[in-house]
N, C-alpha and C. Protein backbone atom coordinates (compact mmCIF):
# COMPACT_ATOMS: atom_id res chain seq x y z
N MET A 1 -1.58 0.20 -11.72
CA MET A 1 -1.54 0.76 -10.76
C MET A 1 -2.38 -0.39 -10.57
N ILE A 2 -1.87 -1.58 -9.36
CA ILE A 2 -1.94 -1.81 -8.55
C ILE A 2 -1.80 -2.31 -6.92
N ASN A 3 -2.92 -2.67 -6.42
CA ASN A 3 -2.94 -2.66 -5.02
C ASN A 3 -3.11 -1.31 -4.44
N ASN A 4 -3.39 -0.03 -4.10
CA ASN A 4 -3.52 1.29 -3.66
C ASN A 4 -4.33 0.83 -2.71
N ALA A 5 -4.44 2.53 -1.99
CA ALA A 5 -5.76 3.02 -1.16
C ALA A 5 -5.64 4.39 -0.76
N ALA A 6 -6.92 4.95 -1.40
CA ALA A 6 -6.98 6.34 -1.04
C ALA A 6 -8.16 6.57 -0.87
N SER A 7 -8.06 8.19 -0.04
CA SER A 7 -9.64 8.54 -0.07
C SER A 7 -9.80 9.28 -1.08
N GLY A 8 -10.50 9.09 -2.02
CA GLY A 8 -11.55 10.35 -3.15
C GLY A 8 -10.52 10.29 -4.30
N TRP A 9 -9.71 8.99 -3.89
CA TRP A 9 -9.58 9.24 -5.47
C TRP A 9 -9.83 8.54 -6.55
N ALA A 10 -11.19 7.48 -6.65
CA ALA A 10 -10.95 6.49 -7.73
C ALA A 10 -11.82 6.82 -9.03
N ALA A 11 -12.16 8.07 -8.33
CA ALA A 11 -12.71 8.97 -10.13
C ALA A 11 -11.92 9.52 -10.68
N LEU A 12 -10.66 9.62 -10.19
CA LEU A 12 -9.63 10.20 -10.90
C LEU A 12 -8.47 8.81 -11.66
N LEU A 13 -8.97 7.63 -11.14
CA LEU A 13 -8.16 6.58 -11.57
C LEU A 13 -8.91 6.99 -13.23
N PRO A 14 -7.61 6.51 -14.06
CA PRO A 14 -7.65 6.37 -15.75
C PRO A 14 -9.13 5.14 -15.93
N GLY A 15 -9.65 5.14 -17.37
CA GLY A 15 -10.30 4.21 -17.43
C GLY A 15 -9.54 2.63 -18.20
N ALA A 16 -9.87 2.28 -18.74
CA ALA A 16 -9.70 0.43 -19.02
C ALA A 16 -8.85 0.66 -20.50
N GLN A 17 -7.04 0.70 -20.47
CA GLN A 17 -7.12 0.85 -21.95
C GLN A 17 -5.81 -0.15 -21.72
N VAL A 18 -5.40 -0.67 -23.19
CA VAL A 18 -4.34 -1.42 -23.21
C VAL A 18 -2.82 -0.90 -22.65
N GLY A 19 -2.40 -2.10 -21.67
CA GLY A 19 -0.52 -1.85 -21.03
C GLY A 19 -0.76 -1.35 -20.12
N LEU A 20 -2.37 -0.94 -19.24
CA LEU A 20 -2.60 -0.62 -17.82
C LEU A 20 -3.58 -1.50 -17.34
N ARG A 21 -2.57 -1.91 -16.22
CA ARG A 21 -3.57 -2.68 -15.30
C ARG A 21 -4.16 -2.13 -13.72
N LEU A 22 -5.30 -2.30 -13.90
CA LEU A 22 -5.94 -1.42 -12.94
C LEU A 22 -6.20 -2.71 -11.87
N ALA A 23 -6.03 -2.75 -10.69
CA ALA A 23 -6.93 -3.88 -9.56
C ALA A 23 -6.00 -3.60 -8.54
N GLY A 24 -7.20 -4.46 -7.68
CA GLY A 24 -6.86 -4.67 -6.64
C GLY A 24 -6.96 -3.04 -6.11
N ASN A 25 -7.21 -2.11 -6.11
CA ASN A 25 -7.24 -0.54 -5.51
C ASN A 25 -8.47 -0.50 -4.94
N VAL A 26 -8.31 0.27 -3.42
CA VAL A 26 -9.38 0.33 -2.39
C VAL A 26 -9.33 1.71 -2.34
N ASP A 27 -10.95 2.18 -2.60
CA ASP A 27 -11.39 3.36 -2.13
C ASP A 27 -11.83 3.77 -0.69
N CYS A 28 -11.11 4.89 0.00
CA CYS A 28 -11.39 4.72 1.16
C CYS A 28 -12.57 5.72 1.80
N SER A 29 -12.91 6.50 0.72
CA SER A 29 -13.78 7.57 0.83
C SER A 29 -15.15 7.43 2.02
N LEU A 30 -15.18 6.05 1.84
CA LEU A 30 -16.90 5.60 2.73
C LEU A 30 -16.46 4.87 3.50
N ARG A 31 -15.06 4.73 4.51
CA ARG A 31 -14.97 4.05 5.48
C ARG A 31 -13.60 4.34 5.88
N ALA A 32 -13.69 4.25 7.10
CA ALA A 32 -12.06 3.94 7.52
C ALA A 32 -11.21 2.92 7.42
N CYS A 33 -10.16 3.15 6.41
CA CYS A 33 -9.16 2.34 6.03
C CYS A 33 -7.44 1.97 7.39
N PHE A 34 -7.12 3.42 7.38
CA PHE A 34 -5.75 3.09 7.90
C PHE A 34 -5.97 4.20 9.54
N ALA A 35 -4.90 3.39 10.89
CA ALA A 35 -4.57 3.37 11.68
C ALA A 35 -4.88 5.03 12.18
N GLY A 36 -4.15 5.82 11.49
CA GLY A 36 -4.01 7.55 12.01
C GLY A 36 -3.73 8.00 10.92
N PRO A 37 -4.20 8.02 9.81
CA PRO A 37 -3.73 9.27 8.62
C PRO A 37 -3.10 10.41 9.45
N GLU A 38 -3.67 11.18 9.98
CA GLU A 38 -3.73 12.67 10.26
C GLU A 38 -2.30 12.55 11.08
N ILE A 39 -1.89 11.48 11.17
CA ILE A 39 -0.13 11.24 12.24
C ILE A 39 0.58 10.93 10.94
N LEU A 40 0.19 10.59 9.51
CA LEU A 40 0.98 9.58 8.66
C LEU A 40 1.51 8.30 9.04
N ASP A 41 0.18 7.64 9.46
CA ASP A 41 0.13 6.52 10.31
C ASP A 41 -0.92 5.89 9.30
N PHE A 42 -0.09 4.94 7.81
CA PHE A 42 -1.58 4.29 6.80
C PHE A 42 -1.29 2.78 7.12
N SER A 43 -0.63 2.52 8.40
CA SER A 43 -1.46 1.22 8.58
C SER A 43 -2.70 0.61 8.82
N PRO A 44 -3.09 -0.48 8.30
CA PRO A 44 -3.70 -0.89 7.83
C PRO A 44 -5.24 -1.07 8.41
N LEU A 45 -6.08 -0.63 8.95
CA LEU A 45 -7.07 -1.24 10.01
C LEU A 45 -7.95 -2.48 9.50
N ALA A 46 -7.85 -3.22 11.19
CA ALA A 46 -7.94 -4.54 10.41
C ALA A 46 -9.62 -4.97 10.03
N ALA A 47 -10.50 -4.06 10.12
CA ALA A 47 -12.26 -3.81 9.74
C ALA A 47 -12.17 -2.94 8.70
N GLY A 48 -10.60 -2.57 8.12
CA GLY A 48 -10.93 -0.94 7.19
C GLY A 48 -10.93 -1.58 5.39
N GLY A 49 -11.00 -2.89 5.93
CA GLY A 49 -11.10 -3.30 4.42
C GLY A 49 -10.20 -3.35 3.22
N LEU A 50 -8.81 -3.89 3.80
CA LEU A 50 -7.55 -3.33 2.93
C LEU A 50 -6.90 -4.82 2.85
N VAL A 51 -6.94 -5.36 4.46
CA VAL A 51 -6.18 -6.72 4.61
C VAL A 51 -6.57 -7.38 3.72
N ALA A 52 -5.71 -7.88 2.64
CA ALA A 52 -6.07 -8.97 2.02
C ALA A 52 -7.02 -8.73 0.60
N ALA A 53 -6.95 -7.67 0.52
CA ALA A 53 -7.93 -7.04 -1.25
C ALA A 53 -7.36 -7.18 -1.72
N GLY A 54 -5.69 -6.69 -2.42
CA GLY A 54 -5.14 -7.34 -2.83
C GLY A 54 -5.32 -7.95 -4.18
N VAL A 55 -4.39 -7.59 -5.32
CA VAL A 55 -4.07 -8.63 -5.48
C VAL A 55 -2.73 -9.43 -6.21
N VAL A 56 -2.58 -10.56 -5.77
CA VAL A 56 -1.85 -11.96 -5.67
C VAL A 56 -0.37 -11.14 -7.08
N ARG A 57 1.05 -10.85 -6.35
CA ARG A 57 2.02 -10.76 -7.07
C ARG A 57 1.79 -11.36 -8.25
N GLY A 58 1.94 -11.17 -9.56
CA GLY A 58 1.90 -12.24 -11.15
C GLY A 58 2.79 -11.62 -11.95
N ASP A 59 3.48 -10.48 -11.49
CA ASP A 59 4.61 -10.19 -12.55
C ASP A 59 5.35 -9.63 -11.94
N PRO A 60 6.33 -9.51 -12.64
CA PRO A 60 8.07 -9.80 -12.19
C PRO A 60 8.45 -7.44 -11.30
N TRP A 61 7.26 -6.99 -12.13
CA TRP A 61 7.37 -5.37 -11.36
C TRP A 61 6.84 -5.06 -10.44
N ALA A 62 5.73 -5.92 -10.01
CA ALA A 62 5.25 -5.44 -8.82
C ALA A 62 5.59 -6.42 -7.58
N PRO A 63 5.43 -5.60 -6.71
CA PRO A 63 6.70 -5.19 -5.65
C PRO A 63 6.75 -6.61 -4.86
N ALA A 64 7.74 -6.90 -4.67
CA ALA A 64 7.01 -8.20 -3.72
C ALA A 64 7.44 -7.41 -2.06
N ASP A 65 7.73 -6.39 -1.24
CA ASP A 65 7.75 -5.81 0.57
C ASP A 65 6.53 -4.58 -0.15
N ASP A 66 6.01 -4.28 1.18
CA ASP A 66 5.81 -2.89 0.86
C ASP A 66 6.52 -1.93 1.03
N PHE A 67 5.93 -0.40 1.22
CA PHE A 67 6.89 0.50 1.36
C PHE A 67 7.72 0.50 3.20
N CYS A 68 7.35 -0.24 3.92
CA CYS A 68 8.46 0.01 5.19
C CYS A 68 9.72 -1.10 5.18
N GLY A 69 9.08 -1.72 3.73
CA GLY A 69 10.06 -3.18 3.60
C GLY A 69 9.97 -4.61 3.99
N ALA A 70 8.23 -4.71 4.91
CA ALA A 70 8.22 -5.45 4.80
C ALA A 70 7.65 -6.39 3.42
N PRO A 71 7.44 -7.77 3.94
CA PRO A 71 7.43 -8.87 2.89
C PRO A 71 5.78 -8.80 2.60
N ARG A 72 5.48 -8.60 1.46
CA ARG A 72 3.71 -8.94 0.89
C ARG A 72 3.47 -10.41 1.40
N ALA A 73 1.79 -9.79 1.97
CA ALA A 73 1.00 -11.29 2.13
C ALA A 73 0.89 -12.32 0.57
N MET A 74 0.17 -13.23 0.67
CA MET A 74 -0.56 -13.69 -0.01
C MET A 74 -2.53 -13.66 0.28
N PRO A 75 -2.87 -13.40 -0.05
CA PRO A 75 -2.81 -12.14 -0.74
C PRO A 75 -2.79 -10.83 -0.45
N PRO A 76 -1.98 -10.27 -0.60
CA PRO A 76 -1.67 -8.80 -0.06
C PRO A 76 -2.78 -7.78 -0.10
N THR A 77 -1.87 -7.34 0.87
CA THR A 77 -2.95 -5.86 1.75
C THR A 77 -2.93 -4.78 0.87
N GLY A 78 -3.74 -3.16 0.89
CA GLY A 78 -4.06 -2.89 -0.37
C GLY A 78 -3.42 -1.88 0.31
N GLY A 79 -2.74 -0.96 -0.77
CA GLY A 79 -2.26 0.60 0.58
C GLY A 79 -0.83 0.05 0.07
N ALA A 80 0.76 0.92 0.45
CA ALA A 80 1.74 0.93 0.73
C ALA A 80 1.66 0.41 2.02
N VAL A 81 1.31 -0.26 2.69
CA VAL A 81 1.84 -0.56 4.77
C VAL A 81 1.29 -2.07 4.40
N GLU A 82 1.59 -3.25 4.81
CA GLU A 82 1.64 -4.58 4.30
C GLU A 82 0.66 -4.91 5.64
N ARG A 83 1.15 -4.31 7.22
CA ARG A 83 1.14 -4.72 7.79
C ARG A 83 1.34 -3.19 9.73
N ALA A 84 0.73 -3.28 10.29
CA ALA A 84 0.64 -2.15 11.48
C ALA A 84 2.62 -1.83 11.65
N ALA A 85 2.72 -0.56 11.14
CA ALA A 85 4.26 0.04 11.42
C ALA A 85 4.35 0.85 12.07
N GLY A 86 2.71 2.16 12.07
CA GLY A 86 3.30 3.31 12.84
C GLY A 86 3.87 4.38 11.82
N PRO A 87 3.90 5.54 12.78
CA PRO A 87 3.65 6.80 11.65
C PRO A 87 5.04 6.64 10.85
N ILE A 88 4.41 7.05 9.34
CA ILE A 88 5.98 6.68 8.14
C ILE A 88 6.82 8.69 8.75
N VAL A 89 8.08 8.73 8.84
CA VAL A 89 9.14 9.62 9.16
C VAL A 89 9.21 9.85 7.75
N ILE A 90 8.81 11.26 7.28
CA ILE A 90 9.24 12.09 6.01
C ILE A 90 10.75 12.16 6.45
N GLY A 91 11.42 12.30 4.99
CA GLY A 91 12.89 12.38 4.79
C GLY A 91 13.49 11.47 4.43
N PRO A 92 15.11 11.41 4.22
CA PRO A 92 15.71 10.85 2.99
C PRO A 92 15.68 9.49 4.41
N ARG A 93 16.01 7.96 3.60
CA ARG A 93 16.09 6.76 4.20
C ARG A 93 16.97 5.94 3.42
N ARG A 94 18.01 5.68 4.36
CA ARG A 94 18.73 5.18 4.69
C ARG A 94 18.58 3.57 4.08
N ARG A 95 19.09 2.76 3.39
CA ARG A 95 18.58 1.21 3.20
C ARG A 95 19.51 0.43 3.93
N ALA A 96 18.70 -0.26 4.84
CA ALA A 96 19.66 -1.38 6.24
C ALA A 96 20.63 -1.73 5.66
N SER A 97 20.73 -2.32 4.25
CA SER A 97 22.10 -2.56 4.27
C SER A 97 23.43 -1.60 4.52
N ALA A 98 22.73 -0.44 3.66
CA ALA A 98 23.67 0.42 3.86
C ALA A 98 24.29 1.39 4.97
N ALA A 99 23.39 1.33 6.15
CA ALA A 99 22.81 1.46 7.46
C ALA A 99 24.07 1.11 8.19
N ALA A 100 24.15 -0.30 8.15
CA ALA A 100 24.69 -1.28 8.63
C ALA A 100 25.72 -1.31 7.99
N ALA A 101 27.00 -0.89 6.70
CA ALA A 101 27.92 -0.77 6.92
C ALA A 101 28.94 0.62 7.26
N HIS A 102 28.44 1.13 7.88
CA HIS A 102 28.95 2.10 8.66
C HIS A 102 28.77 2.25 10.12
């Protein structure tokens, strides 16, 4: 579990154990981290503590892109969205390459 951001979940994280990496996670319970969570805009606020708060991707399983498909910075932003992206649309998503083929 690396580079996550959420409110009120820090107490729910598992303790240290073999095979589990916990790093770069940000608890947003005591500060505003997202641009507009009430409208599903989880873009990081510049002063919210997410920008460059993640750990550098060192393992092949760590995502190189964010939820929106944007490349991660070095060091990455904590949370699913690397930079301003606007509200997340709920529902099926098509990959850009699949959409271009039709």
